[in-house]
Structure formats: structure tokens, C-alpha cells
N, C-alpha and C. Protein backbone atom coordinates (compact mmCIF):
# COMPACT_ATOMS: atom_id res chain seq x y z
N MET A 1 105.45 -146.75 50.91
CA MET A 1 105.09 -147.64 50.06
C MET A 1 106.10 -148.87 50.19
N ALA A 2 105.61 -149.86 50.44
CA ALA A 2 106.26 -151.23 50.66
C ALA A 2 106.49 -152.02 49.15
N LEU A 3 107.23 -152.77 49.28
CA LEU A 3 107.42 -153.81 48.07
C LEU A 3 106.04 -154.71 48.09
N PRO A 4 105.78 -155.09 46.80
CA PRO A 4 104.71 -156.00 46.80
C PRO A 4 105.14 -157.29 47.49
N LYS A 5 104.09 -158.05 47.81
CA LYS A 5 104.31 -159.21 48.73
C LYS A 5 105.12 -160.26 47.94
N SER A 6 104.92 -160.28 46.66
CA SER A 6 105.44 -161.28 45.75
C SER A 6 106.94 -160.96 45.59
N MET A 7 107.42 -159.86 45.88
CA MET A 7 108.82 -159.50 45.73
C MET A 7 109.63 -159.81 47.19
N ARG A 8 109.01 -159.98 48.22
CA ARG A 8 109.61 -160.20 49.61
C ARG A 8 109.95 -161.76 49.76
N LEU A 9 111.09 -161.94 50.57
CA LEU A 9 111.29 -163.18 51.02
C LEU A 9 110.77 -163.47 52.29
N LYS A 10 110.41 -164.81 52.44
CA LYS A 10 109.88 -165.18 53.75
C LYS A 10 110.21 -166.58 54.03
N GLY A 11 110.40 -167.28 55.20
CA GLY A 11 110.71 -168.48 55.67
C GLY A 11 112.09 -168.73 56.04
N HIS A 12 112.16 -169.49 57.06
CA HIS A 12 113.59 -169.83 57.73
C HIS A 12 114.25 -170.77 56.53
N ARG A 13 113.57 -171.60 56.00
CA ARG A 13 114.36 -172.29 54.79
C ARG A 13 114.81 -171.57 53.68
N THR A 14 114.30 -170.42 53.28
CA THR A 14 114.65 -169.58 52.36
C THR A 14 116.10 -168.98 52.74
N PHE A 15 116.03 -168.42 54.16
CA PHE A 15 117.35 -167.63 54.53
C PHE A 15 118.46 -168.62 54.62
N ASP A 16 118.12 -169.86 55.28
CA ASP A 16 119.07 -170.85 55.29
C ASP A 16 119.68 -171.13 53.86
N TYR A 17 118.88 -171.36 52.97
CA TYR A 17 119.42 -171.32 51.42
C TYR A 17 120.24 -170.44 50.99
N ILE A 18 119.94 -169.20 51.43
CA ILE A 18 120.71 -167.99 51.04
C ILE A 18 122.00 -167.96 51.55
N HIS A 19 122.04 -167.91 52.69
CA HIS A 19 123.25 -168.25 53.63
C HIS A 19 124.21 -169.20 53.14
N ARG A 20 123.86 -170.41 52.88
CA ARG A 20 124.63 -171.37 52.13
C ARG A 20 125.07 -171.18 50.76
N ASN A 21 124.16 -170.69 49.74
CA ASN A 21 124.43 -170.87 48.40
C ASN A 21 124.73 -169.43 47.83
N SER A 22 124.87 -168.45 48.34
CA SER A 22 125.01 -167.11 48.01
C SER A 22 126.41 -166.61 47.49
N VAL A 23 126.65 -165.52 46.91
CA VAL A 23 127.67 -164.93 46.45
C VAL A 23 127.41 -163.60 47.24
N LYS A 24 128.69 -163.02 47.93
CA LYS A 24 128.57 -162.19 48.88
C LYS A 24 129.38 -160.89 48.45
N TYR A 25 128.67 -159.75 48.59
CA TYR A 25 129.24 -158.35 48.29
C TYR A 25 129.39 -157.56 49.49
N TYR A 26 130.40 -156.97 49.92
CA TYR A 26 130.58 -156.08 51.17
C TYR A 26 130.69 -154.75 50.89
N GLY A 27 130.21 -154.02 51.65
CA GLY A 27 130.50 -152.54 51.64
C GLY A 27 130.51 -152.10 53.04
N LYS A 28 130.89 -150.87 53.30
CA LYS A 28 131.16 -150.52 54.74
C LYS A 28 130.01 -150.55 55.66
N LEU A 29 128.74 -150.33 54.88
CA LEU A 29 127.44 -149.99 55.97
C LEU A 29 126.67 -151.43 55.76
N MET A 30 126.85 -152.11 54.74
CA MET A 30 125.99 -153.35 54.65
C MET A 30 126.63 -154.46 53.87
N THR A 31 126.01 -155.51 53.65
CA THR A 31 126.47 -156.66 53.06
C THR A 31 125.16 -157.21 52.13
N PHE A 32 125.72 -157.62 50.88
CA PHE A 32 124.55 -158.28 50.00
C PHE A 32 125.05 -159.79 49.98
N LYS A 33 123.79 -160.67 50.12
CA LYS A 33 123.86 -162.01 49.70
C LYS A 33 123.10 -162.29 48.57
N ILE A 34 123.56 -162.65 47.64
CA ILE A 34 122.54 -163.04 46.37
C ILE A 34 122.79 -164.50 45.99
N ALA A 35 121.56 -165.13 45.98
CA ALA A 35 121.57 -166.47 45.54
C ALA A 35 120.58 -166.73 44.23
N ARG A 36 120.76 -167.70 43.68
CA ARG A 36 119.75 -168.07 42.64
C ARG A 36 118.52 -168.63 43.16
N SER A 37 117.27 -168.30 42.70
CA SER A 37 116.02 -168.75 43.32
C SER A 37 115.94 -170.19 43.41
N ASN A 38 115.39 -170.52 44.22
CA ASN A 38 114.98 -172.11 44.43
C ASN A 38 113.24 -172.19 44.54
N GLN A 39 112.87 -172.87 43.67
CA GLN A 39 111.32 -172.87 43.47
C GLN A 39 110.62 -173.83 44.63
N GLU A 40 111.54 -174.92 44.78
CA GLU A 40 110.87 -176.03 45.77
C GLU A 40 110.72 -175.49 47.25
N ILE A 41 111.39 -174.28 47.69
CA ILE A 41 111.41 -173.77 48.87
C ILE A 41 110.17 -172.97 48.96
N LEU A 42 109.89 -172.21 47.83
CA LEU A 42 108.56 -171.44 48.00
C LEU A 42 107.25 -172.14 47.94
N ILE A 43 107.40 -173.48 47.56
CA ILE A 43 106.03 -174.10 47.30
C ILE A 43 105.14 -174.11 48.46
N SER A 44 105.79 -174.15 49.58
CA SER A 44 105.09 -174.26 50.89
C SER A 44 104.27 -172.87 51.13
N HIS A 45 104.89 -171.83 50.56
CA HIS A 45 104.25 -170.45 50.74
C HIS A 45 103.28 -170.28 49.71
N ARG A 46 103.01 -171.07 48.64
CA ARG A 46 101.89 -171.08 47.51
C ARG A 46 102.55 -169.70 46.67
N LEU A 47 103.91 -169.67 46.63
CA LEU A 47 104.34 -168.61 45.81
C LEU A 47 104.88 -169.22 44.43
N SER A 48 104.92 -170.47 44.08
CA SER A 48 105.42 -171.16 42.78
C SER A 48 105.39 -170.26 41.56
N ASN A 49 104.34 -169.58 41.32
CA ASN A 49 104.23 -168.83 40.12
C ASN A 49 104.90 -167.56 39.89
N SER A 50 105.44 -167.08 41.29
CA SER A 50 106.27 -165.76 40.96
C SER A 50 107.57 -166.20 41.55
N SER A 51 108.00 -167.39 41.79
CA SER A 51 109.16 -167.63 42.33
C SER A 51 110.36 -167.38 41.53
N ASN A 52 110.40 -167.40 40.20
CA ASN A 52 111.32 -166.91 39.38
C ASN A 52 111.75 -165.46 39.21
N ASN A 53 111.06 -164.60 39.96
CA ASN A 53 111.36 -163.36 39.90
C ASN A 53 112.40 -162.74 41.17
N PHE A 54 112.96 -161.54 41.04
CA PHE A 54 113.55 -161.21 41.77
C PHE A 54 112.97 -160.81 43.12
N LYS A 55 113.56 -161.27 44.30
CA LYS A 55 112.94 -160.93 45.57
C LYS A 55 114.06 -160.64 46.65
N VAL A 56 113.58 -159.86 47.59
CA VAL A 56 114.55 -159.45 48.50
C VAL A 56 114.08 -159.31 49.87
N ALA A 57 115.06 -159.39 50.91
CA ALA A 57 114.74 -159.11 52.21
C ALA A 57 115.96 -158.25 52.89
N ILE A 58 115.59 -157.54 53.62
CA ILE A 58 116.36 -156.56 54.32
C ILE A 58 116.49 -156.80 55.82
N ALA A 59 117.46 -157.26 56.59
CA ALA A 59 117.60 -157.53 57.73
C ALA A 59 118.40 -156.54 58.50
N ILE A 60 117.81 -156.18 59.53
CA ILE A 60 118.61 -154.97 60.32
C ILE A 60 118.36 -155.22 61.77
N SER A 61 119.65 -155.54 62.01
CA SER A 61 119.62 -155.93 63.70
C SER A 61 119.51 -155.04 64.81
N LYS A 62 119.07 -155.43 65.86
CA LYS A 62 118.81 -154.49 67.02
C LYS A 62 120.17 -153.79 67.28
N LYS A 63 121.20 -154.32 66.83
CA LYS A 63 122.67 -153.67 67.08
C LYS A 63 122.76 -152.13 66.62
N VAL A 64 121.95 -152.20 65.20
CA VAL A 64 121.69 -151.02 64.57
C VAL A 64 121.39 -149.83 65.32
N SER A 65 120.04 -150.29 65.75
CA SER A 65 119.23 -149.17 66.36
C SER A 65 118.39 -150.12 67.37
N LYS A 66 118.18 -149.85 68.44
CA LYS A 66 117.39 -150.56 69.59
C LYS A 66 115.82 -150.27 69.05
N LYS A 67 115.68 -149.04 68.47
CA LYS A 67 114.14 -148.68 68.30
C LYS A 67 113.79 -149.41 66.88
N ALA A 68 112.52 -150.13 67.13
CA ALA A 68 112.08 -150.70 65.69
C ALA A 68 111.57 -149.60 64.91
N VAL A 69 111.32 -148.37 65.32
CA VAL A 69 110.73 -147.20 64.41
C VAL A 69 111.86 -146.86 63.70
N GLU A 70 113.21 -146.79 64.28
CA GLU A 70 114.23 -146.47 63.26
C GLU A 70 114.65 -147.45 62.32
N ARG A 71 114.76 -148.79 62.87
CA ARG A 71 115.14 -149.76 61.93
C ARG A 71 113.94 -149.98 60.57
N ASN A 72 112.73 -149.70 61.15
CA ASN A 72 111.47 -149.82 60.01
C ASN A 72 111.90 -148.43 58.92
N LYS A 73 112.32 -147.24 59.42
CA LYS A 73 112.49 -146.31 58.55
C LYS A 73 113.63 -146.74 57.67
N ILE A 74 114.61 -147.20 58.21
CA ILE A 74 115.65 -147.73 57.17
C ILE A 74 115.25 -148.56 56.25
N ARG A 75 114.54 -149.55 56.74
CA ARG A 75 113.91 -150.40 55.87
C ARG A 75 113.05 -149.93 54.55
N ARG A 76 112.26 -149.02 55.05
CA ARG A 76 111.34 -148.30 53.92
C ARG A 76 112.15 -147.36 53.16
N VAL A 77 113.25 -146.91 53.50
CA VAL A 77 113.95 -146.02 52.46
C VAL A 77 114.66 -146.88 51.29
N LEU A 78 115.19 -148.12 51.92
CA LEU A 78 115.86 -149.22 50.85
C LEU A 78 114.59 -149.65 49.95
N HIS A 79 113.54 -149.80 50.37
CA HIS A 79 112.30 -150.52 49.76
C HIS A 79 112.00 -149.54 48.75
N GLU A 80 111.78 -148.36 49.15
CA GLU A 80 111.48 -147.31 48.33
C GLU A 80 112.33 -147.01 47.21
N TYR A 81 113.94 -147.13 47.45
CA TYR A 81 114.82 -147.18 46.31
C TYR A 81 114.84 -148.30 45.36
N LEU A 82 114.46 -149.49 46.01
CA LEU A 82 114.22 -150.82 45.07
C LEU A 82 112.78 -150.66 44.06
N LEU A 83 112.04 -150.04 44.69
CA LEU A 83 110.65 -149.78 43.84
C LEU A 83 111.03 -148.91 42.42
N LYS A 84 111.75 -147.81 42.99
CA LYS A 84 111.95 -146.83 41.89
C LYS A 84 113.20 -147.50 40.72
N ASN A 85 114.04 -148.05 41.29
CA ASN A 85 115.07 -148.52 40.22
C ASN A 85 114.86 -150.05 39.80
N ILE A 86 114.06 -150.69 40.14
CA ILE A 86 113.91 -152.05 39.40
C ILE A 86 112.51 -152.09 38.79
N GLN A 87 112.39 -152.27 37.50
CA GLN A 87 111.51 -151.88 36.54
C GLN A 87 110.83 -153.36 36.56
N GLU A 88 109.47 -153.41 36.08
CA GLU A 88 108.50 -154.51 36.09
C GLU A 88 109.35 -155.47 35.10
N ASP A 89 109.45 -154.58 33.75
CA ASP A 89 110.04 -155.55 32.75
C ASP A 89 111.47 -156.36 33.13
N ARG A 90 112.36 -155.64 33.86
CA ARG A 90 113.48 -156.20 34.15
C ARG A 90 113.40 -156.98 35.38
N ASN A 91 112.29 -157.45 35.95
CA ASN A 91 111.86 -158.25 37.31
C ASN A 91 111.87 -159.48 37.05
N HIS A 92 112.58 -159.89 36.00
CA HIS A 92 112.51 -161.60 35.60
C HIS A 92 113.87 -162.24 36.27
N LYS A 93 114.77 -161.43 36.65
CA LYS A 93 115.82 -162.16 37.15
C LYS A 93 115.65 -163.12 38.40
N PRO A 94 116.16 -164.26 38.06
CA PRO A 94 115.94 -165.21 39.25
C PRO A 94 116.83 -165.37 40.48
N TYR A 95 116.77 -164.14 41.06
CA TYR A 95 117.75 -164.09 42.14
C TYR A 95 117.11 -163.74 43.47
N TRP A 96 117.50 -164.14 44.41
CA TRP A 96 117.08 -163.76 45.86
C TRP A 96 118.39 -162.65 46.56
N LEU A 97 117.73 -161.69 47.05
CA LEU A 97 118.82 -160.77 47.68
C LEU A 97 118.46 -160.62 49.25
N LEU A 98 119.64 -160.68 50.08
CA LEU A 98 119.49 -160.63 51.47
C LEU A 98 120.52 -159.41 51.92
N VAL A 99 119.79 -158.24 52.26
CA VAL A 99 120.83 -157.11 52.62
C VAL A 99 120.75 -157.17 54.10
N ASN A 100 122.00 -157.18 54.74
CA ASN A 100 122.10 -157.28 56.23
C ASN A 100 123.00 -156.07 56.34
N LEU A 101 122.27 -154.98 57.33
CA LEU A 101 122.98 -153.85 57.69
C LEU A 101 124.10 -154.22 58.87
N LYS A 102 125.25 -153.39 58.74
CA LYS A 102 126.21 -153.58 59.86
C LYS A 102 126.01 -152.57 60.93
N ILE A 103 126.73 -152.68 61.97
CA ILE A 103 126.53 -152.03 63.24
C ILE A 103 127.10 -150.63 62.84
N GLY A 104 126.44 -149.54 63.40
CA GLY A 104 127.03 -148.35 63.34
C GLY A 104 125.92 -147.19 63.37
N ASP A 105 126.66 -146.14 63.52
CA ASP A 105 125.56 -144.72 63.64
C ASP A 105 125.48 -144.15 62.44
N PHE A 106 125.11 -144.91 61.33
CA PHE A 106 124.97 -144.25 59.97
C PHE A 106 123.36 -144.07 59.52
N TYR A 107 122.52 -144.58 60.21
CA TYR A 107 121.05 -144.64 59.78
C TYR A 107 120.58 -143.14 59.87
N ASN A 108 121.18 -142.31 60.29
CA ASN A 108 120.65 -140.94 60.38
C ASN A 108 121.02 -140.23 58.85
N ASP A 109 122.24 -140.66 58.22
CA ASP A 109 122.58 -140.21 56.86
C ASP A 109 122.02 -140.99 55.73
N LYS A 110 121.02 -140.67 55.49
CA LYS A 110 120.06 -141.42 54.25
C LYS A 110 121.00 -141.40 53.03
N SER A 111 121.59 -140.43 52.72
CA SER A 111 122.25 -140.29 51.38
C SER A 111 123.32 -141.23 51.37
N LYS A 112 124.24 -141.28 52.36
CA LYS A 112 125.28 -142.21 52.53
C LYS A 112 124.76 -143.50 52.43
N LEU A 113 123.83 -143.95 53.06
CA LEU A 113 123.20 -145.51 53.00
C LEU A 113 122.77 -145.66 51.42
N LEU A 114 121.92 -144.70 50.92
CA LEU A 114 121.40 -144.92 49.57
C LEU A 114 122.58 -145.06 48.63
N GLU A 115 123.71 -144.38 48.73
CA GLU A 115 124.81 -144.45 48.05
C GLU A 115 125.58 -145.69 47.88
N GLU A 116 125.66 -146.28 48.95
CA GLU A 116 126.26 -147.44 49.20
C GLU A 116 125.46 -148.57 48.60
N PHE A 117 124.09 -148.44 49.02
CA PHE A 117 123.10 -149.39 48.47
C PHE A 117 123.08 -149.50 46.89
N GLN A 118 123.28 -148.37 46.31
CA GLN A 118 123.23 -148.34 44.87
C GLN A 118 124.66 -148.95 44.19
N PHE A 119 125.74 -148.51 45.08
CA PHE A 119 127.03 -148.99 44.47
C PHE A 119 126.93 -150.57 44.46
N LEU A 120 126.39 -151.15 45.55
CA LEU A 120 126.29 -152.82 45.73
C LEU A 120 125.43 -153.28 44.74
N MET A 121 124.37 -152.61 44.58
CA MET A 121 123.31 -153.15 43.30
C MET A 121 123.99 -153.11 42.07
N LEU A 122 124.71 -152.03 41.70
CA LEU A 122 125.32 -152.13 40.63
C LEU A 122 126.66 -153.07 40.66
N LYS A 123 127.39 -153.22 41.46
CA LYS A 123 128.42 -154.03 41.48
C LYS A 123 127.89 -155.55 41.60
N SER A 124 127.00 -155.90 41.94
CA SER A 124 126.39 -157.18 41.97
C SER A 124 125.70 -157.65 40.69
N GLY A 125 125.37 -156.25 39.71
CA GLY A 125 124.84 -156.65 38.40
C GLY A 125 123.37 -156.67 38.54
N LEU A 126 122.66 -156.21 39.83
CA LEU A 126 121.24 -156.33 39.77
C LEU A 126 120.68 -155.23 39.17
N ILE A 127 121.03 -154.34 38.89
CA ILE A 127 120.85 -153.04 38.30
C ILE A 127 121.90 -152.45 37.41
N LYS A 128 121.44 -151.78 36.28
CA LYS A 128 122.57 -151.35 35.22
C LYS A 128 122.55 -149.87 35.12
């Protein structure tokens, strides 16, 4: 089960904007970068009607795992958690989230990964 397309971030200008204008939250396994949404960037993707909603991108380096299958499995686990914990009625927050996983041999421990993901979501105020 993947995130709806309206919840995903895309485009290099979007990521450049997040890198420059974000508030960062650091964990042992991952880093969160959260920025206010910017409607002008998404106009070229014809997503202007949903640009004030919460959007997310999960970036997993090849240094985490050389195998795309492993990286996609991690991505699916995190997307699944988001779908379960972000309700539609609270999907009005105008924030963009970029999740960067750090290098390490943690991807086999799903519970550790989800525990830190939840901790950073609470710490950043994206879920309550």
C-alpha cells in the first residue's frame, strides 16, 4: 500500500527548497527535514489544489543497502506507518517532510526503525 500521489513530493526544486528552508530533527537512524509548503513550486506539477496538504518524501541512500529491494521494503514500511497514523481530517498541515535514513545495518530491525520514526514524528509535532 503506497501513499496517495497527492501526498508524495517530487521535483528537484521541491527538494532544494526543503534543504534550504527546513527545520531539522535528528535521530540515530534518520533525519527529518520539515518545511512549510510552497505552492509556487508545485504549480509546474499541476498539483496546486493539494499543495497545502502534508507531503512526504523518503530518501534512502545506496549506502544503507546496495539492493533496491531492501530500500523499497524500508520505504514501504514507513509509508504504511504514515497511512495508518495520519488521518485525512488532520491532513491539512501545510508541511513538507523529507526523511533521510542514515547509514547503518538497522534495516532488518523493523521495530527499531518504526520506533524512531514515531519518536521523530511526535517530536516534530506532525502527529499527536
